[in-house]
Amino acid sequence: MSKPITSLQRQLQQIVAKQLVDISRNPFVQGIAAGSLPSTAVATYVQQDNLYLQKYLTNYQQVLGILAPDLLATTIHAIDTENRAHQVLLAFLQTDNAQLMKGTVIELPTTRAYLQHIQTAITANAWQGLAALLACPLIYTQLAVELQQQQAVVHRNPFAAWIDFYLPKADYFTKRMIELFVNEGQTKSDYQQFHALQRFEASCKYENAFFTQAMEE
């Protein structure tokens, strides 16, 4: 029996709300809110996010190519615009992306584990892969809303434009991904839904670990 559309939506929201409690306490996120972070942490974050997004884009194309090719064509640009958020951080570092990525930049353990988690989900099936991919945009969107409510988006905060980039827009990428996940989920069994939500929650935890990783290097 198909589940109501709101059931999966509600479960996603509950998972995000729970994970944001920990994410909001993460020193990196608190630094974003306060407008003060070590340059080394910001540099590590951007380097690792570059590596992550390269593979995220490939994974997104693979999953959407199976589930919703038309949606892929209209949303793929959203991932390509992610460099605008990076530009804010690069300005803080007073460098550019080419200089930051010069030489050998390797995937750190959390980055590598997160990407492997996504790949494992995709190997199961495209919908499971979508669940693992969905955490990134959904966590960032909700985190930006929370930071805005904390009045972190102020002129004196050098990261204000970074926060603003992730705030929900009228036709935003995250909403489309949620709709696809929920619509596809109506045809799935309780067992499949359970595992998809587990993969989603694991990805949310990796998002928190990704921020932590930047502070540890």
C-alpha atoms as a PDB file:
ATOM      1  CA  MET A   1       0.000   0.000   0.000  1.00  0.00           C
ATOM      2  CA  SER A   2       1.366   3.390  -0.986  1.00  0.00           C
ATOM      3  CA  LYS A   3       2.267   5.758   1.824  1.00  0.00           C
ATOM      4  CA  PRO A   4       0.855   9.303   1.930  1.00  0.00           C
ATOM      5  CA  ILE A   5       3.229  11.769   0.326  1.00  0.00           C
ATOM      6  CA  THR A   6       3.478  13.688   3.590  1.00  0.00           C
ATOM      7  CA  SER A   7       4.735  10.603   5.443  1.00  0.00           C
ATOM      8  CA  LEU A   8       8.160  10.560   3.797  1.00  0.00           C
ATOM      9  CA  GLN A   9       8.351  14.346   3.856  1.00  0.00           C
ATOM     10  CA  ARG A  10       7.651  14.369   7.568  1.00  0.00           C
ATOM     11  CA  GLN A  11      10.262  11.713   8.245  1.00  0.00           C
ATOM     12  CA  LEU A  12      12.871  13.654   6.257  1.00  0.00           C
ATOM     13  CA  GLN A  13      12.039  16.787   8.234  1.00  0.00           C
ATOM     14  CA  GLN A  14      12.286  14.929  11.539  1.00  0.00           C
ATOM     15  CA  ILE A  15      15.692  13.517  10.655  1.00  0.00           C
ATOM     16  CA  VAL A  16      16.993  16.916   9.552  1.00  0.00           C
ATOM     17  CA  ALA A  17      15.666  18.636  12.687  1.00  0.00           C
ATOM     18  CA  LYS A  18      17.369  16.038  14.871  1.00  0.00           C
ATOM     19  CA  GLN A  19      20.698  16.258  13.031  1.00  0.00           C
ATOM     20  CA  LEU A  20      20.684  20.065  12.953  1.00  0.00           C
ATOM     21  CA  VAL A  21      20.850  20.108  16.742  1.00  0.00           C
ATOM     22  CA  ASP A  22      24.333  18.604  16.532  1.00  0.00           C
ATOM     23  CA  ILE A  23      25.331  20.445  13.366  1.00  0.00           C
ATOM     24  CA  SER A  24      24.467  23.831  14.872  1.00  0.00           C
ATOM     25  CA  ARG A  25      26.883  23.045  17.716  1.00  0.00           C
ATOM     26  CA  ASN A  26      29.701  22.148  15.349  1.00  0.00           C
ATOM     27  CA  PRO A  27      32.649  24.545  15.845  1.00  0.00           C
ATOM     28  CA  PHE A  28      32.899  25.153  12.099  1.00  0.00           C
ATOM     29  CA  VAL A  29      29.233  26.129  11.859  1.00  0.00           C
ATOM     30  CA  GLN A  30      29.505  28.284  14.962  1.00  0.00           C
ATOM     31  CA  GLY A  31      32.464  29.993  13.325  1.00  0.00           C
ATOM     32  CA  ILE A  32      30.392  30.670  10.209  1.00  0.00           C
ATOM     33  CA  ALA A  33      27.681  32.197  12.401  1.00  0.00           C
ATOM     34  CA  ALA A  34      30.168  34.336  14.318  1.00  0.00           C
ATOM     35  CA  GLY A  35      32.117  35.351  11.221  1.00  0.00           C
ATOM     36  CA  SER A  36      35.368  33.961  12.581  1.00  0.00           C
ATOM     37  CA  LEU A  37      37.154  30.803  11.453  1.00  0.00           C
ATOM     38  CA  PRO A  38      40.801  29.750  11.156  1.00  0.00           C
ATOM     39  CA  SER A  39      42.024  30.166   7.586  1.00  0.00           C
ATOM     40  CA  THR A  40      43.290  26.588   7.646  1.00  0.00           C
ATOM     41  CA  ALA A  41      39.790  25.298   8.384  1.00  0.00           C
ATOM     42  CA  VAL A  42      38.237  27.318   5.575  1.00  0.00           C
ATOM     43  CA  ALA A  43      40.933  26.195   3.139  1.00  0.00           C
ATOM     44  CA  THR A  44      40.479  22.535   4.062  1.00  0.00           C
ATOM     45  CA  TYR A  45      36.713  22.841   3.753  1.00  0.00           C
ATOM     46  CA  VAL A  46      36.885  24.338   0.247  1.00  0.00           C
ATOM     47  CA  GLN A  47      39.499  21.844  -0.944  1.00  0.00           C
ATOM     48  CA  GLN A  48      37.485  18.875   0.282  1.00  0.00           C
ATOM     49  CA  ASP A  49      34.207  20.316  -0.978  1.00  0.00           C
ATOM     50  CA  ASN A  50      35.738  20.698  -4.432  1.00  0.00           C
ATOM     51  CA  LEU A  51      36.639  17.004  -4.425  1.00  0.00           C
ATOM     52  CA  TYR A  52      33.245  16.052  -3.025  1.00  0.00           C
ATOM     53  CA  LEU A  53      31.247  18.101  -5.529  1.00  0.00           C
ATOM     54  CA  GLN A  54      33.130  16.695  -8.514  1.00  0.00           C
ATOM     55  CA  LYS A  55      31.878  13.221  -7.645  1.00  0.00           C
ATOM     56  CA  TYR A  56      28.520  14.463  -6.373  1.00  0.00           C
ATOM     57  CA  LEU A  57      27.846  15.900  -9.821  1.00  0.00           C
ATOM     58  CA  THR A  58      28.697  12.590 -11.489  1.00  0.00           C
ATOM     59  CA  ASN A  59      26.508  10.693  -9.021  1.00  0.00           C
ATOM     60  CA  TYR A  60      23.640  13.143  -9.457  1.00  0.00           C
ATOM     61  CA  GLN A  61      23.794  12.744 -13.227  1.00  0.00           C
ATOM     62  CA  GLN A  62      23.760   8.961 -12.854  1.00  0.00           C
ATOM     63  CA  VAL A  63      20.791   8.881 -10.455  1.00  0.00           C
ATOM     64  CA  LEU A  64      18.672  11.522 -12.170  1.00  0.00           C
ATOM     65  CA  GLY A  65      19.494  10.031 -15.551  1.00  0.00           C
ATOM     66  CA  ILE A  66      17.631   6.934 -14.375  1.00  0.00           C
ATOM     67  CA  LEU A  67      14.844   8.474 -12.298  1.00  0.00           C
ATOM     68  CA  ALA A  68      14.067  11.780 -14.019  1.00  0.00           C
ATOM     69  CA  PRO A  69      16.095  12.770 -17.108  1.00  0.00           C
ATOM     70  CA  ASP A  70      13.949  15.869 -17.697  1.00  0.00           C
ATOM     71  CA  LEU A  71      14.561  17.083 -14.158  1.00  0.00           C
ATOM     72  CA  LEU A  72      18.275  16.445 -14.598  1.00  0.00           C
ATOM     73  CA  ALA A  73      18.348  18.778 -17.585  1.00  0.00           C
ATOM     74  CA  THR A  74      16.660  21.604 -15.654  1.00  0.00           C
ATOM     75  CA  THR A  75      18.545  21.279 -12.354  1.00  0.00           C
ATOM     76  CA  ILE A  76      22.107  20.279 -13.236  1.00  0.00           C
ATOM     77  CA  HIS A  77      23.121  23.950 -13.364  1.00  0.00           C
ATOM     78  CA  ALA A  78      22.359  24.275  -9.637  1.00  0.00           C
ATOM     79  CA  ILE A  79      25.378  22.143  -8.764  1.00  0.00           C
ATOM     80  CA  ASP A  80      27.539  24.088 -11.192  1.00  0.00           C
ATOM     81  CA  THR A  81      26.653  27.344  -9.379  1.00  0.00           C
ATOM     82  CA  GLU A  82      28.033  26.002  -6.099  1.00  0.00           C
ATOM     83  CA  ASN A  83      31.297  27.766  -6.905  1.00  0.00           C
ATOM     84  CA  ARG A  84      29.558  31.040  -5.989  1.00  0.00           C
ATOM     85  CA  ALA A  85      29.462  29.876  -2.374  1.00  0.00           C
ATOM     86  CA  HIS A  86      33.115  28.900  -2.638  1.00  0.00           C
ATOM     87  CA  GLN A  87      33.968  32.364  -3.949  1.00  0.00           C
ATOM     88  CA  VAL A  88      32.846  33.851  -0.635  1.00  0.00           C
ATOM     89  CA  LEU A  89      35.235  31.595   1.242  1.00  0.00           C
ATOM     90  CA  LEU A  90      38.040  32.151  -1.255  1.00  0.00           C
ATOM     91  CA  ALA A  91      37.654  35.905  -0.787  1.00  0.00           C
ATOM     92  CA  PHE A  92      38.043  35.364   2.953  1.00  0.00           C
ATOM     93  CA  LEU A  93      41.250  33.434   2.224  1.00  0.00           C
ATOM     94  CA  GLN A  94      42.405  36.050  -0.299  1.00  0.00           C
ATOM     95  CA  THR A  95      43.158  33.403  -2.903  1.00  0.00           C
ATOM     96  CA  ASP A  96      41.507  31.695  -5.857  1.00  0.00           C
ATOM     97  CA  ASN A  97      40.420  28.144  -6.483  1.00  0.00           C
ATOM     98  CA  ALA A  98      43.278  27.317  -8.851  1.00  0.00           C
ATOM     99  CA  GLN A  99      45.859  28.354  -6.276  1.00  0.00           C
ATOM    100  CA  LEU A 100      44.074  26.537  -3.460  1.00  0.00           C
ATOM    101  CA  MET A 101      43.889  23.288  -5.433  1.00  0.00           C
ATOM    102  CA  LYS A 102      47.448  23.562  -6.740  1.00  0.00           C
ATOM    103  CA  GLY A 103      49.520  20.458  -6.219  1.00  0.00           C
ATOM    104  CA  THR A 104      48.132  17.218  -4.839  1.00  0.00           C
ATOM    105  CA  VAL A 105      44.934  17.555  -2.826  1.00  0.00           C
ATOM    106  CA  ILE A 106      43.716  14.191  -1.597  1.00  0.00           C
ATOM    107  CA  GLU A 107      40.376  13.108  -0.195  1.00  0.00           C
ATOM    108  CA  LEU A 108      40.507  13.145   3.583  1.00  0.00           C
ATOM    109  CA  PRO A 109      38.946  10.208   5.472  1.00  0.00           C
ATOM    110  CA  THR A 110      35.492  11.721   6.003  1.00  0.00           C
ATOM    111  CA  THR A 111      35.258  12.889   2.399  1.00  0.00           C
ATOM    112  CA  ARG A 112      36.275   9.468   1.164  1.00  0.00           C
ATOM    113  CA  ALA A 113      33.863   7.643   3.492  1.00  0.00           C
ATOM    114  CA  TYR A 114      30.967   9.939   2.593  1.00  0.00           C
ATOM    115  CA  LEU A 115      31.498   9.440  -1.124  1.00  0.00           C
ATOM    116  CA  GLN A 116      31.747   5.682  -0.622  1.00  0.00           C
ATOM    117  CA  HIS A 117      28.480   5.757   1.318  1.00  0.00           C
ATOM    118  CA  ILE A 118      26.778   7.500  -1.606  1.00  0.00           C
ATOM    119  CA  GLN A 119      28.255   5.077  -4.119  1.00  0.00           C
ATOM    120  CA  THR A 120      27.084   2.096  -2.077  1.00  0.00           C
ATOM    121  CA  ALA A 121      23.565   3.530  -2.006  1.00  0.00           C
ATOM    122  CA  ILE A 122      23.564   4.061  -5.772  1.00  0.00           C
ATOM    123  CA  THR A 123      24.740   0.495  -6.281  1.00  0.00           C
ATOM    124  CA  ALA A 124      21.633  -0.674  -4.397  1.00  0.00           C
ATOM    125  CA  ASN A 125      19.366   1.315  -6.735  1.00  0.00           C
ATOM    126  CA  ALA A 126      18.849   4.851  -8.000  1.00  0.00           C
ATOM    127  CA  TRP A 127      16.217   5.767  -5.404  1.00  0.00           C
ATOM    128  CA  GLN A 128      18.476   4.681  -2.550  1.00  0.00           C
ATOM    129  CA  GLY A 129      21.193   6.757  -4.182  1.00  0.00           C
ATOM    130  CA  LEU A 130      18.873   9.754  -4.287  1.00  0.00           C
ATOM    131  CA  ALA A 131      18.274   9.356  -0.549  1.00  0.00           C
ATOM    132  CA  ALA A 132      22.016   9.532   0.104  1.00  0.00           C
ATOM    133  CA  LEU A 133      22.424  12.536  -2.217  1.00  0.00           C
ATOM    134  CA  LEU A 134      19.461  14.451  -0.796  1.00  0.00           C
ATOM    135  CA  ALA A 135      21.020  15.145   2.595  1.00  0.00           C
ATOM    136  CA  CYS A 136      23.588  17.616   1.264  1.00  0.00           C
ATOM    137  CA  PRO A 137      21.200  20.204  -0.240  1.00  0.00           C
ATOM    138  CA  LEU A 138      18.556  19.699   2.445  1.00  0.00           C
ATOM    139  CA  ILE A 139      20.958  20.124   5.357  1.00  0.00           C
ATOM    140  CA  TYR A 140      22.553  23.213   3.816  1.00  0.00           C
ATOM    141  CA  THR A 141      19.189  24.805   3.057  1.00  0.00           C
ATOM    142  CA  GLN A 142      17.849  24.270   6.559  1.00  0.00           C
ATOM    143  CA  LEU A 143      21.150  25.267   8.146  1.00  0.00           C
ATOM    144  CA  ALA A 144      21.106  28.540   6.214  1.00  0.00           C
ATOM    145  CA  VAL A 145      17.571  29.239   7.454  1.00  0.00           C
ATOM    146  CA  GLU A 146      18.673  28.572  11.023  1.00  0.00           C
ATOM    147  CA  LEU A 147      21.725  30.828  10.681  1.00  0.00           C
ATOM    148  CA  GLN A 148      19.571  33.581   9.217  1.00  0.00           C
ATOM    149  CA  GLN A 149      17.238  33.291  12.209  1.00  0.00           C
ATOM    150  CA  GLN A 150      20.295  33.696  14.437  1.00  0.00           C
ATOM    151  CA  GLN A 151      20.941  36.988  12.610  1.00  0.00           C
ATOM    152  CA  ALA A 152      24.230  35.718  11.209  1.00  0.00           C
ATOM    153  CA  VAL A 153      23.503  37.275   7.796  1.00  0.00           C
ATOM    154  CA  VAL A 154      24.870  40.716   8.593  1.00  0.00           C
ATOM    155  CA  HIS A 155      27.259  42.967   6.706  1.00  0.00           C
ATOM    156  CA  ARG A 156      30.117  42.544   9.192  1.00  0.00           C
ATOM    157  CA  ASN A 157      30.065  38.755   8.808  1.00  0.00           C
ATOM    158  CA  PRO A 158      32.477  37.774   6.005  1.00  0.00           C
ATOM    159  CA  PHE A 159      30.466  34.568   5.531  1.00  0.00           C
ATOM    160  CA  ALA A 160      27.066  36.267   5.173  1.00  0.00           C
ATOM    161  CA  ALA A 161      26.941  35.759   1.405  1.00  0.00           C
ATOM    162  CA  TRP A 162      27.816  32.073   1.896  1.00  0.00           C
ATOM    163  CA  ILE A 163      24.777  31.678   4.151  1.00  0.00           C
ATOM    164  CA  ASP A 164      22.598  33.666   1.764  1.00  0.00           C
ATOM    165  CA  PHE A 165      23.579  31.415  -1.149  1.00  0.00           C
ATOM    166  CA  TYR A 166      21.987  28.405   0.548  1.00  0.00           C
ATOM    167  CA  LEU A 167      18.752  30.090   1.623  1.00  0.00           C
ATOM    168  CA  PRO A 168      15.664  28.612  -0.111  1.00  0.00           C
ATOM    169  CA  LYS A 169      14.757  30.265  -3.389  1.00  0.00           C
ATOM    170  CA  ALA A 170      11.382  30.277  -5.169  1.00  0.00           C
ATOM    171  CA  ASP A 171      12.394  27.531  -7.606  1.00  0.00           C
ATOM    172  CA  TYR A 172      15.170  25.920  -5.679  1.00  0.00           C
ATOM    173  CA  PHE A 173      17.001  22.718  -6.376  1.00  0.00           C
ATOM    174  CA  THR A 174      16.336  21.106  -2.999  1.00  0.00           C
ATOM    175  CA  LYS A 175      12.564  21.285  -3.371  1.00  0.00           C
ATOM    176  CA  ARG A 176      12.743  19.418  -6.677  1.00  0.00           C
ATOM    177  CA  MET A 177      14.890  16.674  -5.161  1.00  0.00           C
ATOM    178  CA  ILE A 178      12.512  16.222  -2.233  1.00  0.00           C
ATOM    179  CA  GLU A 179       9.520  15.991  -4.561  1.00  0.00           C
ATOM    180  CA  LEU A 180      11.252  13.345  -6.662  1.00  0.00           C
ATOM    181  CA  PHE A 181      12.264  11.337  -3.602  1.00  0.00           C
ATOM    182  CA  VAL A 182       8.745  11.419  -2.154  1.00  0.00           C
ATOM    183  CA  ASN A 183       6.985  10.663  -5.435  1.00  0.00           C
ATOM    184  CA  GLU A 184       9.249   7.718  -6.178  1.00  0.00           C
ATOM    185  CA  GLY A 185       8.898   6.565  -2.592  1.00  0.00           C
ATOM    186  CA  GLN A 186       5.160   6.044  -2.905  1.00  0.00           C
ATOM    187  CA  THR A 187       5.808   2.863  -4.873  1.00  0.00           C
ATOM    188  CA  LYS A 188       8.380   1.463  -2.447  1.00  0.00           C
ATOM    189  CA  SER A 189       7.890  -1.095   0.305  1.00  0.00           C
ATOM    190  CA  ASP A 190       8.251  -0.321   4.004  1.00  0.00           C
ATOM    191  CA  TYR A 191      11.572  -2.168   3.912  1.00  0.00           C
ATOM    192  CA  GLN A 192      12.882  -0.020   1.043  1.00  0.00           C
ATOM    193  CA  GLN A 193      11.681   3.186   2.681  1.00  0.00           C
ATOM    194  CA  PHE A 194      13.329   2.237   5.968  1.00  0.00           C
ATOM    195  CA  HIS A 195      16.691   1.683   4.304  1.00  0.00           C
ATOM    196  CA  ALA A 196      16.418   4.854   2.212  1.00  0.00           C
ATOM    197  CA  LEU A 197      15.764   6.923   5.328  1.00  0.00           C
ATOM    198  CA  GLN A 198      18.700   5.221   7.047  1.00  0.00           C
ATOM    199  CA  ARG A 199      20.940   6.189   4.144  1.00  0.00           C
ATOM    200  CA  PHE A 200      19.606   9.742   4.268  1.00  0.00           C
ATOM    201  CA  GLU A 201      20.281  10.009   7.997  1.00  0.00           C
ATOM    202  CA  ALA A 202      23.781   8.596   7.576  1.00  0.00           C
ATOM    203  CA  SER A 203      24.486  11.263   4.945  1.00  0.00           C
ATOM    204  CA  CYS A 204      23.248  13.949   7.348  1.00  0.00           C
ATOM    205  CA  LYS A 205      25.755  12.685   9.909  1.00  0.00           C
ATOM    206  CA  TYR A 206      28.490  12.772   7.294  1.00  0.00           C
ATOM    207  CA  GLU A 207      27.635  16.437   6.655  1.00  0.00           C
ATOM    208  CA  ASN A 208      28.369  17.170  10.302  1.00  0.00           C
ATOM    209  CA  ALA A 209      31.563  15.116  10.177  1.00  0.00           C
ATOM    210  CA  PHE A 210      32.602  17.003   7.040  1.00  0.00           C
ATOM    211  CA  PHE A 211      32.502  20.292   8.969  1.00  0.00           C
ATOM    212  CA  THR A 212      34.405  18.706  11.861  1.00  0.00           C
ATOM    213  CA  GLN A 213      37.064  17.411   9.493  1.00  0.00           C
ATOM    214  CA  ALA A 214      37.847  20.952   8.346  1.00  0.00           C
ATOM    215  CA  MET A 215      38.586  22.035  11.914  1.00  0.00           C
ATOM    216  CA  GLU A 216      40.819  19.048  12.614  1.00  0.00           C
ATOM    217  CA  GLU A 217      43.290  19.488   9.756  1.00  0.00           C
END
